[in-house]
């Protein structure tokens, strides 16, 4: 599973890999770092909810997983999975918002003095 995050920019969106790996493919992040990353993604989720609409079901997979960042007794792999599910919801929310960005509405034509009848 690739842990990436689509970063909106004025250029094309870039994917940032958040999973440092060794040559064997095993992640080298410590459990405490995953817990911190988990907490940061929860804050990002909250911010997205406060700043605009969130697509229905974007975070359902995370909510159903029932592993929060304060549950430090959980295994590293469980926090990794929770971060991955949060990342998917954040990515979905950003993609939907980028698709719904529209041009500003055209202003109504203004009447000039010659077209106004009294």
Protein backbone atom coordinates (compact mmCIF):
# COMPACT_ATOMS: atom_id res chain seq x y z
CA UNK A 1 0.00 0.00 0.00
CA UNK A 2 1.43 3.37 -0.98
CA UNK A 3 0.97 6.13 1.54
CA UNK A 4 0.84 9.21 -0.63
CA UNK A 5 -0.88 12.54 -0.44
CA UNK A 6 -2.03 14.70 -3.31
CA UNK A 7 -0.80 18.24 -2.74
CA UNK A 8 -2.75 20.96 -4.56
CA UNK A 9 -0.64 23.62 -6.17
CA UNK A 10 -0.82 26.10 -8.99
CA UNK A 11 0.92 23.49 -11.10
CA UNK A 12 -0.29 19.92 -11.49
CA UNK A 13 -0.92 18.01 -8.29
CA UNK A 14 2.09 16.15 -6.97
CA UNK A 15 2.06 12.96 -4.92
CA UNK A 16 4.24 13.02 -1.84
CA UNK A 17 5.28 9.63 -0.44
CA UNK A 18 4.93 9.72 3.34
CA UNK A 19 6.35 6.25 3.85
CA UNK A 20 10.12 6.14 4.24
CA UNK A 21 11.27 2.62 3.45
CA UNK A 22 14.45 0.61 3.66
CA UNK A 23 15.81 -1.49 0.83
CA UNK A 24 13.75 -4.43 2.12
CA UNK A 25 10.53 -2.39 1.88
CA UNK A 26 9.98 -2.26 5.66
CA UNK A 27 9.01 1.18 6.94
CA UNK A 28 11.59 2.84 9.15
CA UNK A 29 9.24 5.23 10.95
CA UNK A 30 8.96 4.60 14.66
CA UNK A 31 5.64 3.94 16.33
CA UNK A 32 5.75 7.33 18.06
CA UNK A 33 6.23 9.02 14.67
CA UNK A 34 3.19 7.22 13.25
CA UNK A 35 1.15 8.29 16.28
CA UNK A 36 2.25 11.89 15.72
CA UNK A 37 1.43 11.66 12.00
CA UNK A 38 -1.92 10.12 12.91
CA UNK A 39 -2.71 13.07 15.20
CA UNK A 40 -1.70 15.55 12.47
CA UNK A 41 -4.01 13.89 9.96
CA UNK A 42 -6.88 14.02 12.48
CA UNK A 43 -6.24 17.77 12.81
CA UNK A 44 -6.19 18.09 9.01
CA UNK A 45 -9.50 16.24 8.82
CA UNK A 46 -11.00 18.63 11.38
CA UNK A 47 -9.68 21.63 9.43
CA UNK A 48 -11.17 20.34 6.16
CA UNK A 49 -14.53 19.86 7.89
CA UNK A 50 -14.45 23.41 9.24
CA UNK A 51 -13.29 25.03 6.00
CA UNK A 52 -15.82 23.55 3.60
CA UNK A 53 -17.91 20.58 2.55
CA UNK A 54 -16.60 17.05 2.98
CA UNK A 55 -17.89 14.39 0.56
CA UNK A 56 -20.27 11.89 2.08
CA UNK A 57 -18.37 8.77 3.06
CA UNK A 58 -14.90 10.27 2.62
CA UNK A 59 -13.86 9.22 6.13
CA UNK A 60 -16.15 6.21 6.63
CA UNK A 61 -13.29 3.71 6.33
CA UNK A 62 -11.34 5.57 9.03
CA UNK A 63 -14.35 5.92 11.34
CA UNK A 64 -15.14 2.20 11.04
CA UNK A 65 -11.52 1.24 11.83
CA UNK A 66 -11.84 2.59 15.40
CA UNK A 67 -8.17 3.40 16.01
CA UNK A 68 -7.49 6.93 17.20
CA UNK A 69 -4.19 8.76 17.68
CA UNK A 70 -4.55 8.72 21.47
CA UNK A 71 -4.65 4.92 21.55
CA UNK A 72 -0.94 4.49 22.09
CA UNK A 73 -1.37 0.85 23.14
CA UNK A 74 -2.28 -0.05 19.53
CA UNK A 75 0.34 -1.57 17.28
CA UNK A 76 2.40 0.48 14.83
CA UNK A 77 0.72 -1.32 11.91
CA UNK A 78 -2.70 -0.25 13.20
CA UNK A 79 -1.66 3.41 13.30
CA UNK A 80 -0.17 3.03 9.81
CA UNK A 81 -3.50 1.68 8.56
CA UNK A 82 -5.41 4.48 10.30
CA UNK A 83 -3.15 7.11 8.68
CA UNK A 84 -3.66 5.46 5.31
CA UNK A 85 -7.44 5.60 5.72
CA UNK A 86 -7.29 9.23 6.83
CA UNK A 87 -5.05 10.05 3.89
CA UNK A 88 -7.61 8.54 1.53
CA UNK A 89 -10.37 10.69 3.02
CA UNK A 90 -8.27 13.85 2.86
CA UNK A 91 -7.29 13.11 -0.72
CA UNK A 92 -10.92 12.46 -1.71
CA UNK A 93 -12.03 15.71 -0.08
CA UNK A 94 -9.36 17.75 -1.86
CA UNK A 95 -10.12 16.12 -5.22
CA UNK A 96 -13.85 16.84 -4.91
CA UNK A 97 -13.18 20.44 -3.91
CA UNK A 98 -10.84 20.92 -6.87
CA UNK A 99 -13.54 19.58 -9.22
CA UNK A 100 -16.21 21.89 -7.82
CA UNK A 101 -14.17 25.07 -8.16
CA UNK A 102 -16.00 27.17 -10.71
CA UNK A 103 -15.43 30.39 -12.50
CA UNK A 104 -16.89 33.47 -10.80
CA UNK A 105 -20.40 34.23 -12.06
CA UNK A 106 -20.64 36.65 -14.92
CA UNK A 107 -22.00 39.99 -13.88
CA UNK A 108 -25.33 41.10 -15.27
CA UNK A 109 -25.08 43.50 -18.16
CA UNK A 110 -25.29 47.06 -16.99
CA UNK A 111 -27.83 49.36 -18.50
CA UNK A 112 -26.50 52.47 -20.10
CA UNK A 113 -28.33 55.78 -20.01
CA UNK A 114 -29.60 55.43 -23.62
CA UNK A 115 -31.51 52.21 -22.92
CA UNK A 116 -33.38 53.49 -19.88
CA UNK A 117 -36.88 54.74 -20.64
CA UNK A 118 -38.77 56.95 -18.28
